[in-house]
Amino acid sequence: MSNTLPGNYTISLLDEESAKRNADEIAKLADSIPLVTYSTVDVLASNQGGRRFIDKWLFSHWIKHNDTPVGMIIGYYRKADGGPNYPSDSVYISELAIAKTHQQRGLAKALITTFLVNARKHQRIRSLKGQLRFTVQTNSAVWNQHVQKLYESFGFQKRRIKKYDNRTDWIMEASDDQLII
């Protein structure tokens, strides 16, 4: 399934085969996210640090302009980890990136909308009716407020802080009934 947007942009499911064929380009997009290092190995990974990326190829999407990848959203079904940051199962947005030359055109909003609408249709998700949660982790710095506001426009709320050596992130959540699509 694909969704055509004005200006020769097309959003489609990023399946594993497409990810393998375009891993370098997708990694380059993801690597444009500040303070994130991404490689082709990361693009194709099905787990990391003991965490499985469940149904990653059923949730992830990319956007192409004239057949060139210019944006992507990587997501998966994330199981609760027993800790304070991810206490319940959720549909997790892992990465969202738009090439700098294609920003400010509503493409990130279109990708998030497509991701959320399609995630709701997934069999595993439909079984969670009333308990469905969506989560995203994004940098809490002032320079990233535009991204925080983008997620807030979909109904995500800042819930918890996660600290790293080089940055601090917000963990933002929305229940299915809080989403604004």
C-alpha atoms as a PDB file:
ATOM      1  CA  MET A   1       0.000   0.000   0.000  1.00  0.00           C
ATOM      2  CA  SER A   2       1.290   3.462  -0.806  1.00  0.00           C
ATOM      3  CA  ASN A   3       0.031   6.983  -0.398  1.00  0.00           C
ATOM      4  CA  THR A   4       0.891   9.610  -3.011  1.00  0.00           C
ATOM      5  CA  LEU A   5       1.335  13.200  -1.852  1.00  0.00           C
ATOM      6  CA  PRO A   6       1.615  16.414  -3.886  1.00  0.00           C
ATOM      7  CA  GLY A   7       5.057  17.091  -5.356  1.00  0.00           C
ATOM      8  CA  ASN A   8       5.847  13.499  -6.430  1.00  0.00           C
ATOM      9  CA  TYR A   9       6.165  12.177  -2.864  1.00  0.00           C
ATOM     10  CA  THR A  10       5.060   8.637  -2.065  1.00  0.00           C
ATOM     11  CA  ILE A  11       4.735   7.045   1.393  1.00  0.00           C
ATOM     12  CA  SER A  12       4.844   3.268   1.543  1.00  0.00           C
ATOM     13  CA  LEU A  13       5.536   0.460   3.949  1.00  0.00           C
ATOM     14  CA  LEU A  14       9.246  -0.043   4.550  1.00  0.00           C
ATOM     15  CA  ASP A  15       9.445  -3.818   4.339  1.00  0.00           C
ATOM     16  CA  GLU A  16      12.560  -5.839   5.080  1.00  0.00           C
ATOM     17  CA  GLU A  17      13.415  -6.407   1.418  1.00  0.00           C
ATOM     18  CA  SER A  18      13.236  -2.671   0.632  1.00  0.00           C
ATOM     19  CA  ALA A  19      15.258  -1.904   3.764  1.00  0.00           C
ATOM     20  CA  LYS A  20      17.990  -4.312   2.665  1.00  0.00           C
ATOM     21  CA  ARG A  21      18.141  -2.811  -0.839  1.00  0.00           C
ATOM     22  CA  ASN A  22      18.235   0.764   0.495  1.00  0.00           C
ATOM     23  CA  ALA A  23      19.975   0.276   3.860  1.00  0.00           C
ATOM     24  CA  ASP A  24      22.766   2.792   3.189  1.00  0.00           C
ATOM     25  CA  GLU A  25      20.335   5.559   2.181  1.00  0.00           C
ATOM     26  CA  ILE A  26      18.045   4.847   5.133  1.00  0.00           C
ATOM     27  CA  ALA A  27      20.987   4.800   7.551  1.00  0.00           C
ATOM     28  CA  LYS A  28      22.135   8.147   6.144  1.00  0.00           C
ATOM     29  CA  LEU A  29      18.663   9.606   6.813  1.00  0.00           C
ATOM     30  CA  ALA A  30      18.624   8.242  10.373  1.00  0.00           C
ATOM     31  CA  ASP A  31      22.175   9.441  10.959  1.00  0.00           C
ATOM     32  CA  SER A  32      20.962  13.004  10.311  1.00  0.00           C
ATOM     33  CA  ILE A  33      19.124  12.877  13.659  1.00  0.00           C
ATOM     34  CA  PRO A  34      21.252  14.931  16.101  1.00  0.00           C
ATOM     35  CA  LEU A  35      23.230  12.922  18.667  1.00  0.00           C
ATOM     36  CA  VAL A  36      22.267   9.624  17.020  1.00  0.00           C
ATOM     37  CA  THR A  37      24.695   7.337  15.216  1.00  0.00           C
ATOM     38  CA  TYR A  38      23.063   4.919  12.813  1.00  0.00           C
ATOM     39  CA  SER A  39      24.515   2.293  10.481  1.00  0.00           C
ATOM     40  CA  THR A  40      23.208  -0.157   7.913  1.00  0.00           C
ATOM     41  CA  VAL A  41      23.444  -2.829  10.626  1.00  0.00           C
ATOM     42  CA  ASP A  42      21.062  -0.742  12.766  1.00  0.00           C
ATOM     43  CA  VAL A  43      18.590  -0.408   9.880  1.00  0.00           C
ATOM     44  CA  LEU A  44      18.352  -4.172   9.471  1.00  0.00           C
ATOM     45  CA  ALA A  45      18.553  -5.137  13.162  1.00  0.00           C
ATOM     46  CA  SER A  46      15.717  -7.170  14.631  1.00  0.00           C
ATOM     47  CA  ASN A  47      16.945  -6.758  18.206  1.00  0.00           C
ATOM     48  CA  GLN A  48      19.392  -4.717  20.256  1.00  0.00           C
ATOM     49  CA  GLY A  49      20.493  -4.855  23.868  1.00  0.00           C
ATOM     50  CA  GLY A  50      18.083  -7.685  24.640  1.00  0.00           C
ATOM     51  CA  ARG A  51      15.097  -5.801  23.194  1.00  0.00           C
ATOM     52  CA  ARG A  52      13.274  -7.354  20.222  1.00  0.00           C
ATOM     53  CA  PHE A  53      11.910  -5.070  17.512  1.00  0.00           C
ATOM     54  CA  ILE A  54       8.620  -6.959  17.140  1.00  0.00           C
ATOM     55  CA  ASP A  55       6.876  -6.523  13.779  1.00  0.00           C
ATOM     56  CA  LYS A  56       9.317  -3.784  12.744  1.00  0.00           C
ATOM     57  CA  TRP A  57       8.628  -4.360   9.036  1.00  0.00           C
ATOM     58  CA  LEU A  58       4.859  -4.121   9.547  1.00  0.00           C
ATOM     59  CA  PHE A  59       5.060  -0.707  11.252  1.00  0.00           C
ATOM     60  CA  SER A  60       7.911   1.136   9.496  1.00  0.00           C
ATOM     61  CA  HIS A  61       7.354   3.446   6.503  1.00  0.00           C
ATOM     62  CA  TRP A  62       9.429   5.574   4.187  1.00  0.00           C
ATOM     63  CA  ILE A  63       8.785   8.462   1.884  1.00  0.00           C
ATOM     64  CA  LYS A  64      10.318   8.782  -1.540  1.00  0.00           C
ATOM     65  CA  HIS A  65      10.538  11.734  -3.892  1.00  0.00           C
ATOM     66  CA  ASN A  66      10.823  10.595  -7.512  1.00  0.00           C
ATOM     67  CA  ASP A  67      11.963   7.149  -6.239  1.00  0.00           C
ATOM     68  CA  THR A  68      14.686   8.587  -3.962  1.00  0.00           C
ATOM     69  CA  PRO A  69      14.275   7.941  -0.196  1.00  0.00           C
ATOM     70  CA  VAL A  70      13.902  11.308   1.589  1.00  0.00           C
ATOM     71  CA  GLY A  71      12.315  10.284   4.882  1.00  0.00           C
ATOM     72  CA  MET A  72      11.492   7.369   7.124  1.00  0.00           C
ATOM     73  CA  ILE A  73       9.774   6.365  10.330  1.00  0.00           C
ATOM     74  CA  ILE A  74      10.968   3.201  12.042  1.00  0.00           C
ATOM     75  CA  GLY A  75       8.673   1.683  14.620  1.00  0.00           C
ATOM     76  CA  TYR A  76       7.840  -1.600  16.244  1.00  0.00           C
ATOM     77  CA  TYR A  77       5.821  -3.271  18.953  1.00  0.00           C
ATOM     78  CA  ARG A  78       7.768  -2.731  22.182  1.00  0.00           C
ATOM     79  CA  LYS A  79       7.230  -5.050  25.116  1.00  0.00           C
ATOM     80  CA  ALA A  80       7.273  -3.586  28.628  1.00  0.00           C
ATOM     81  CA  ASP A  81      10.774  -3.777  30.078  1.00  0.00           C
ATOM     82  CA  GLY A  82       9.831  -3.968  33.753  1.00  0.00           C
ATOM     83  CA  GLY A  83      11.468  -0.615  34.430  1.00  0.00           C
ATOM     84  CA  PRO A  84      10.088   2.865  35.028  1.00  0.00           C
ATOM     85  CA  ASN A  85      10.634   4.145  31.473  1.00  0.00           C
ATOM     86  CA  TYR A  86       8.610   1.557  29.553  1.00  0.00           C
ATOM     87  CA  PRO A  87       6.215  -0.008  32.079  1.00  0.00           C
ATOM     88  CA  SER A  88       3.672  -1.211  29.498  1.00  0.00           C
ATOM     89  CA  ASP A  89       3.627  -2.640  25.984  1.00  0.00           C
ATOM     90  CA  SER A  90       3.358  -0.008  23.271  1.00  0.00           C
ATOM     91  CA  VAL A  91       3.773   0.813  19.622  1.00  0.00           C
ATOM     92  CA  TYR A  92       7.118   2.595  19.688  1.00  0.00           C
ATOM     93  CA  ILE A  93       8.432   5.179  17.231  1.00  0.00           C
ATOM     94  CA  SER A  94      12.155   4.527  17.179  1.00  0.00           C
ATOM     95  CA  GLU A  95      13.336   6.914  14.451  1.00  0.00           C
ATOM     96  CA  LEU A  96      11.804   9.683  12.379  1.00  0.00           C
ATOM     97  CA  ALA A  97      13.927  11.559   9.850  1.00  0.00           C
ATOM     98  CA  ILE A  98      13.358  13.772   6.826  1.00  0.00           C
ATOM     99  CA  ALA A  99      16.247  14.849   4.570  1.00  0.00           C
ATOM    100  CA  LYS A 100      17.111  18.505   5.235  1.00  0.00           C
ATOM    101  CA  THR A 101      16.366  19.463   1.629  1.00  0.00           C
ATOM    102  CA  HIS A 102      12.792  18.151   2.011  1.00  0.00           C
ATOM    103  CA  GLN A 103      11.915  19.537   5.444  1.00  0.00           C
ATOM    104  CA  GLN A 104       9.164  22.102   6.126  1.00  0.00           C
ATOM    105  CA  ARG A 105       6.790  20.434   3.632  1.00  0.00           C
ATOM    106  CA  GLY A 106       4.580  18.486   6.049  1.00  0.00           C
ATOM    107  CA  LEU A 107       6.336  15.198   5.296  1.00  0.00           C
ATOM    108  CA  ALA A 108       7.052  14.278   8.938  1.00  0.00           C
ATOM    109  CA  LYS A 109       3.409  14.894   9.803  1.00  0.00           C
ATOM    110  CA  ALA A 110       2.326  12.733   6.846  1.00  0.00           C
ATOM    111  CA  LEU A 111       4.684   9.922   7.927  1.00  0.00           C
ATOM    112  CA  ILE A 112       3.468   9.990  11.538  1.00  0.00           C
ATOM    113  CA  THR A 113      -0.165  10.018  10.417  1.00  0.00           C
ATOM    114  CA  THR A 114       0.416   7.044   8.100  1.00  0.00           C
ATOM    115  CA  PHE A 115       2.306   5.202  10.850  1.00  0.00           C
ATOM    116  CA  LEU A 116      -0.429   5.725  13.464  1.00  0.00           C
ATOM    117  CA  VAL A 117      -3.333   4.888  11.137  1.00  0.00           C
ATOM    118  CA  ASN A 118      -1.655   1.699   9.910  1.00  0.00           C
ATOM    119  CA  ALA A 119      -0.535   0.643  13.394  1.00  0.00           C
ATOM    120  CA  ARG A 120      -4.136   0.719  14.579  1.00  0.00           C
ATOM    121  CA  LYS A 121      -5.052  -1.779  11.833  1.00  0.00           C
ATOM    122  CA  HIS A 122      -2.430  -4.339  12.845  1.00  0.00           C
ATOM    123  CA  GLN A 123      -3.856  -7.564  14.322  1.00  0.00           C
ATOM    124  CA  ARG A 124      -1.661  -7.462  17.450  1.00  0.00           C
ATOM    125  CA  ILE A 125      -2.764  -3.887  18.105  1.00  0.00           C
ATOM    126  CA  ARG A 126      -6.468  -4.496  17.572  1.00  0.00           C
ATOM    127  CA  SER A 127      -6.327  -7.093  20.361  1.00  0.00           C
ATOM    128  CA  LEU A 128      -5.181  -4.364  22.803  1.00  0.00           C
ATOM    129  CA  LYS A 129      -8.346  -2.280  22.468  1.00  0.00           C
ATOM    130  CA  GLY A 130      -8.586   0.060  25.459  1.00  0.00           C
ATOM    131  CA  GLN A 131      -4.981  -0.616  26.500  1.00  0.00           C
ATOM    132  CA  LEU A 132      -3.139   0.539  23.411  1.00  0.00           C
ATOM    133  CA  ARG A 133      -0.269   2.958  23.993  1.00  0.00           C
ATOM    134  CA  PHE A 134       2.028   4.747  21.580  1.00  0.00           C
ATOM    135  CA  THR A 135       5.453   5.948  22.751  1.00  0.00           C
ATOM    136  CA  VAL A 136       8.329   7.949  21.359  1.00  0.00           C
ATOM    137  CA  GLN A 137      11.592   9.097  22.889  1.00  0.00           C
ATOM    138  CA  THR A 138      12.969  12.434  21.705  1.00  0.00           C
ATOM    139  CA  ASN A 139      15.661  14.856  22.801  1.00  0.00           C
ATOM    140  CA  SER A 140      14.486  17.293  25.483  1.00  0.00           C
ATOM    141  CA  ALA A 141      16.803  20.128  24.385  1.00  0.00           C
ATOM    142  CA  VAL A 142      15.407  23.536  23.439  1.00  0.00           C
ATOM    143  CA  TRP A 143      16.699  23.131  19.866  1.00  0.00           C
ATOM    144  CA  ASN A 144      14.386  20.084  19.522  1.00  0.00           C
ATOM    145  CA  GLN A 145      11.177  21.777  20.666  1.00  0.00           C
ATOM    146  CA  HIS A 146       9.775  21.718  17.124  1.00  0.00           C
ATOM    147  CA  VAL A 147       9.902  17.899  17.198  1.00  0.00           C
ATOM    148  CA  GLN A 148       8.341  17.776  20.673  1.00  0.00           C
ATOM    149  CA  LYS A 149       5.542  20.073  19.456  1.00  0.00           C
ATOM    150  CA  LEU A 150       5.016  17.898  16.385  1.00  0.00           C
ATOM    151  CA  TYR A 151       4.392  14.858  18.585  1.00  0.00           C
ATOM    152  CA  GLU A 152       2.218  16.916  20.942  1.00  0.00           C
ATOM    153  CA  SER A 153       0.074  17.903  17.945  1.00  0.00           C
ATOM    154  CA  PHE A 154      -0.817  14.205  17.651  1.00  0.00           C
ATOM    155  CA  GLY A 155      -1.771  13.974  21.341  1.00  0.00           C
ATOM    156  CA  PHE A 156       1.537  12.707  22.754  1.00  0.00           C
ATOM    157  CA  GLN A 157       2.329  13.982  26.242  1.00  0.00           C
ATOM    158  CA  LYS A 158       5.681  14.269  28.000  1.00  0.00           C
ATOM    159  CA  ARG A 159       5.691  11.556  30.679  1.00  0.00           C
ATOM    160  CA  ARG A 160       9.220  10.734  31.802  1.00  0.00           C
ATOM    161  CA  ILE A 161      12.824  11.850  31.408  1.00  0.00           C
ATOM    162  CA  LYS A 162      15.593   9.449  30.383  1.00  0.00           C
ATOM    163  CA  LYS A 163      19.176  10.621  30.919  1.00  0.00           C
ATOM    164  CA  TYR A 164      22.213   9.622  28.903  1.00  0.00           C
ATOM    165  CA  ASP A 165      25.843  10.740  29.171  1.00  0.00           C
ATOM    166  CA  ASN A 166      25.492  13.178  26.242  1.00  0.00           C
ATOM    167  CA  ARG A 167      21.772  14.085  26.277  1.00  0.00           C
ATOM    168  CA  THR A 168      18.440  13.948  28.061  1.00  0.00           C
ATOM    169  CA  ASP A 169      15.325  12.634  26.328  1.00  0.00           C
ATOM    170  CA  TRP A 170      11.610  12.955  26.892  1.00  0.00           C
ATOM    171  CA  ILE A 171       9.590   9.771  26.767  1.00  0.00           C
ATOM    172  CA  MET A 172       6.282  10.863  25.293  1.00  0.00           C
ATOM    173  CA  GLU A 173       3.129   8.749  25.290  1.00  0.00           C
ATOM    174  CA  ALA A 174      -0.408   8.740  23.984  1.00  0.00           C
ATOM    175  CA  SER A 175      -3.131   6.212  24.548  1.00  0.00           C
ATOM    176  CA  ASP A 176      -5.227   5.274  21.561  1.00  0.00           C
ATOM    177  CA  ASP A 177      -8.073   7.528  22.709  1.00  0.00           C
ATOM    178  CA  GLN A 178      -5.682  10.505  23.173  1.00  0.00           C
ATOM    179  CA  LEU A 179      -4.362  10.398  19.600  1.00  0.00           C
ATOM    180  CA  ILE A 180      -5.272  13.275  17.324  1.00  0.00           C
ATOM    181  CA  ILE A 181      -5.188  12.067  13.742  1.00  0.00           C
END
